[in-house]
Amino acid sequence: MAKIVKVIEVMSQSSSSWEEATQNVVSEAAKTLRNIRSVYVKEFTAEVENDRVTNYRVNAKITFEMER
């Protein structure tokens, strides 16, 4: 039987990097979702204060396998 997957869109941020923001997305989603298969970063943005980047933000899609 074919596997069924679901995709949700989530956002996260980090004061360090886009990579850490992406890991935060996966770590937080894993607290309530099982069988995460992939993360697709749809958009990168950053918050700037006093000419410096203060927060890195990602808008990501997480794909996970549905359970039966």
C-alpha atoms as a PDB file:
ATOM      1  CA  MET A   1       0.000   0.000   0.000  1.00  0.00           C
ATOM      2  CA  ALA A   2       1.260   3.498  -0.837  1.00  0.00           C
ATOM      3  CA  LYS A   3       2.487   5.771   1.920  1.00  0.00           C
ATOM      4  CA  ILE A   4       0.523   8.906   2.660  1.00  0.00           C
ATOM      5  CA  VAL A   5       2.412  12.058   3.686  1.00  0.00           C
ATOM      6  CA  LYS A   6       1.236  15.390   4.996  1.00  0.00           C
ATOM      7  CA  VAL A   7       2.925  18.780   4.610  1.00  0.00           C
ATOM      8  CA  ILE A   8       2.659  21.604   7.137  1.00  0.00           C
ATOM      9  CA  GLU A   9       4.137  25.077   6.957  1.00  0.00           C
ATOM     10  CA  VAL A  10       5.943  26.488   9.991  1.00  0.00           C
ATOM     11  CA  MET A  11       8.208  29.412  10.874  1.00  0.00           C
ATOM     12  CA  SER A  12      11.138  29.752  13.269  1.00  0.00           C
ATOM     13  CA  GLN A  13      14.003  32.063  14.057  1.00  0.00           C
ATOM     14  CA  SER A  14      17.488  32.036  15.515  1.00  0.00           C
ATOM     15  CA  SER A  15      19.897  34.716  16.635  1.00  0.00           C
ATOM     16  CA  SER A  16      22.794  32.655  15.199  1.00  0.00           C
ATOM     17  CA  SER A  17      22.015  31.399  11.677  1.00  0.00           C
ATOM     18  CA  TRP A  18      19.478  30.185   9.144  1.00  0.00           C
ATOM     19  CA  GLU A  19      20.788  26.660   9.717  1.00  0.00           C
ATOM     20  CA  GLU A  20      19.945  26.886  13.417  1.00  0.00           C
ATOM     21  CA  ALA A  21      16.525  28.335  12.606  1.00  0.00           C
ATOM     22  CA  THR A  22      15.906  25.341  10.334  1.00  0.00           C
ATOM     23  CA  GLN A  23      17.012  22.904  13.043  1.00  0.00           C
ATOM     24  CA  ASN A  24      14.665  24.691  15.461  1.00  0.00           C
ATOM     25  CA  VAL A  25      11.776  24.055  13.048  1.00  0.00           C
ATOM     26  CA  VAL A  26      12.537  20.343  12.942  1.00  0.00           C
ATOM     27  CA  SER A  27      13.210  20.019  16.688  1.00  0.00           C
ATOM     28  CA  GLU A  28       9.977  21.751  17.667  1.00  0.00           C
ATOM     29  CA  ALA A  29       7.891  19.853  15.118  1.00  0.00           C
ATOM     30  CA  ALA A  30       9.362  16.551  16.335  1.00  0.00           C
ATOM     31  CA  LYS A  31       7.847  17.196  19.768  1.00  0.00           C
ATOM     32  CA  THR A  32       4.360  16.561  18.360  1.00  0.00           C
ATOM     33  CA  LEU A  33       4.934  14.839  15.000  1.00  0.00           C
ATOM     34  CA  ARG A  34       6.376  11.433  14.196  1.00  0.00           C
ATOM     35  CA  ASN A  35       7.931  10.153  10.981  1.00  0.00           C
ATOM     36  CA  ILE A  36       9.302  13.495   9.737  1.00  0.00           C
ATOM     37  CA  ARG A  37      10.786  12.803   6.299  1.00  0.00           C
ATOM     38  CA  SER A  38      11.997  16.187   5.030  1.00  0.00           C
ATOM     39  CA  VAL A  39      12.105  19.923   5.510  1.00  0.00           C
ATOM     40  CA  TYR A  40      11.912  22.368   2.617  1.00  0.00           C
ATOM     41  CA  VAL A  41      12.977  25.920   3.419  1.00  0.00           C
ATOM     42  CA  LYS A  42      10.636  28.079   1.390  1.00  0.00           C
ATOM     43  CA  GLU A  43      11.857  31.513   2.465  1.00  0.00           C
ATOM     44  CA  PHE A  44      14.783  33.109   4.302  1.00  0.00           C
ATOM     45  CA  THR A  45      14.402  36.494   6.007  1.00  0.00           C
ATOM     46  CA  ALA A  46      16.318  38.422   8.645  1.00  0.00           C
ATOM     47  CA  GLU A  47      15.536  41.049  11.239  1.00  0.00           C
ATOM     48  CA  VAL A  48      17.893  44.043  11.314  1.00  0.00           C
ATOM     49  CA  GLU A  49      18.583  46.499  14.130  1.00  0.00           C
ATOM     50  CA  ASN A  50      21.230  49.235  14.036  1.00  0.00           C
ATOM     51  CA  ASP A  51      22.570  47.970  10.699  1.00  0.00           C
ATOM     52  CA  ARG A  52      23.167  44.462  12.108  1.00  0.00           C
ATOM     53  CA  VAL A  53      21.291  41.201  11.572  1.00  0.00           C
ATOM     54  CA  THR A  54      19.730  40.244  14.903  1.00  0.00           C
ATOM     55  CA  ASN A  55      17.506  37.306  13.939  1.00  0.00           C
ATOM     56  CA  TYR A  56      17.539  34.822  11.094  1.00  0.00           C
ATOM     57  CA  ARG A  57      14.095  33.547  10.102  1.00  0.00           C
ATOM     58  CA  VAL A  58      12.904  30.654   7.973  1.00  0.00           C
ATOM     59  CA  ASN A  59       9.514  29.768   6.598  1.00  0.00           C
ATOM     60  CA  ALA A  60       9.645  26.003   6.039  1.00  0.00           C
ATOM     61  CA  LYS A  61       7.484  23.085   4.960  1.00  0.00           C
ATOM     62  CA  ILE A  62       7.792  19.854   6.923  1.00  0.00           C
ATOM     63  CA  THR A  63       6.781  16.566   5.348  1.00  0.00           C
ATOM     64  CA  PHE A  64       5.830  13.660   7.568  1.00  0.00           C
ATOM     65  CA  GLU A  65       4.406  10.206   6.984  1.00  0.00           C
ATOM     66  CA  MET A  66       0.854   9.602   8.194  1.00  0.00           C
ATOM     67  CA  GLU A  67       0.215   6.675  10.524  1.00  0.00           C
ATOM     68  CA  ARG A  68      -2.663   4.290  10.059  1.00  0.00           C
END
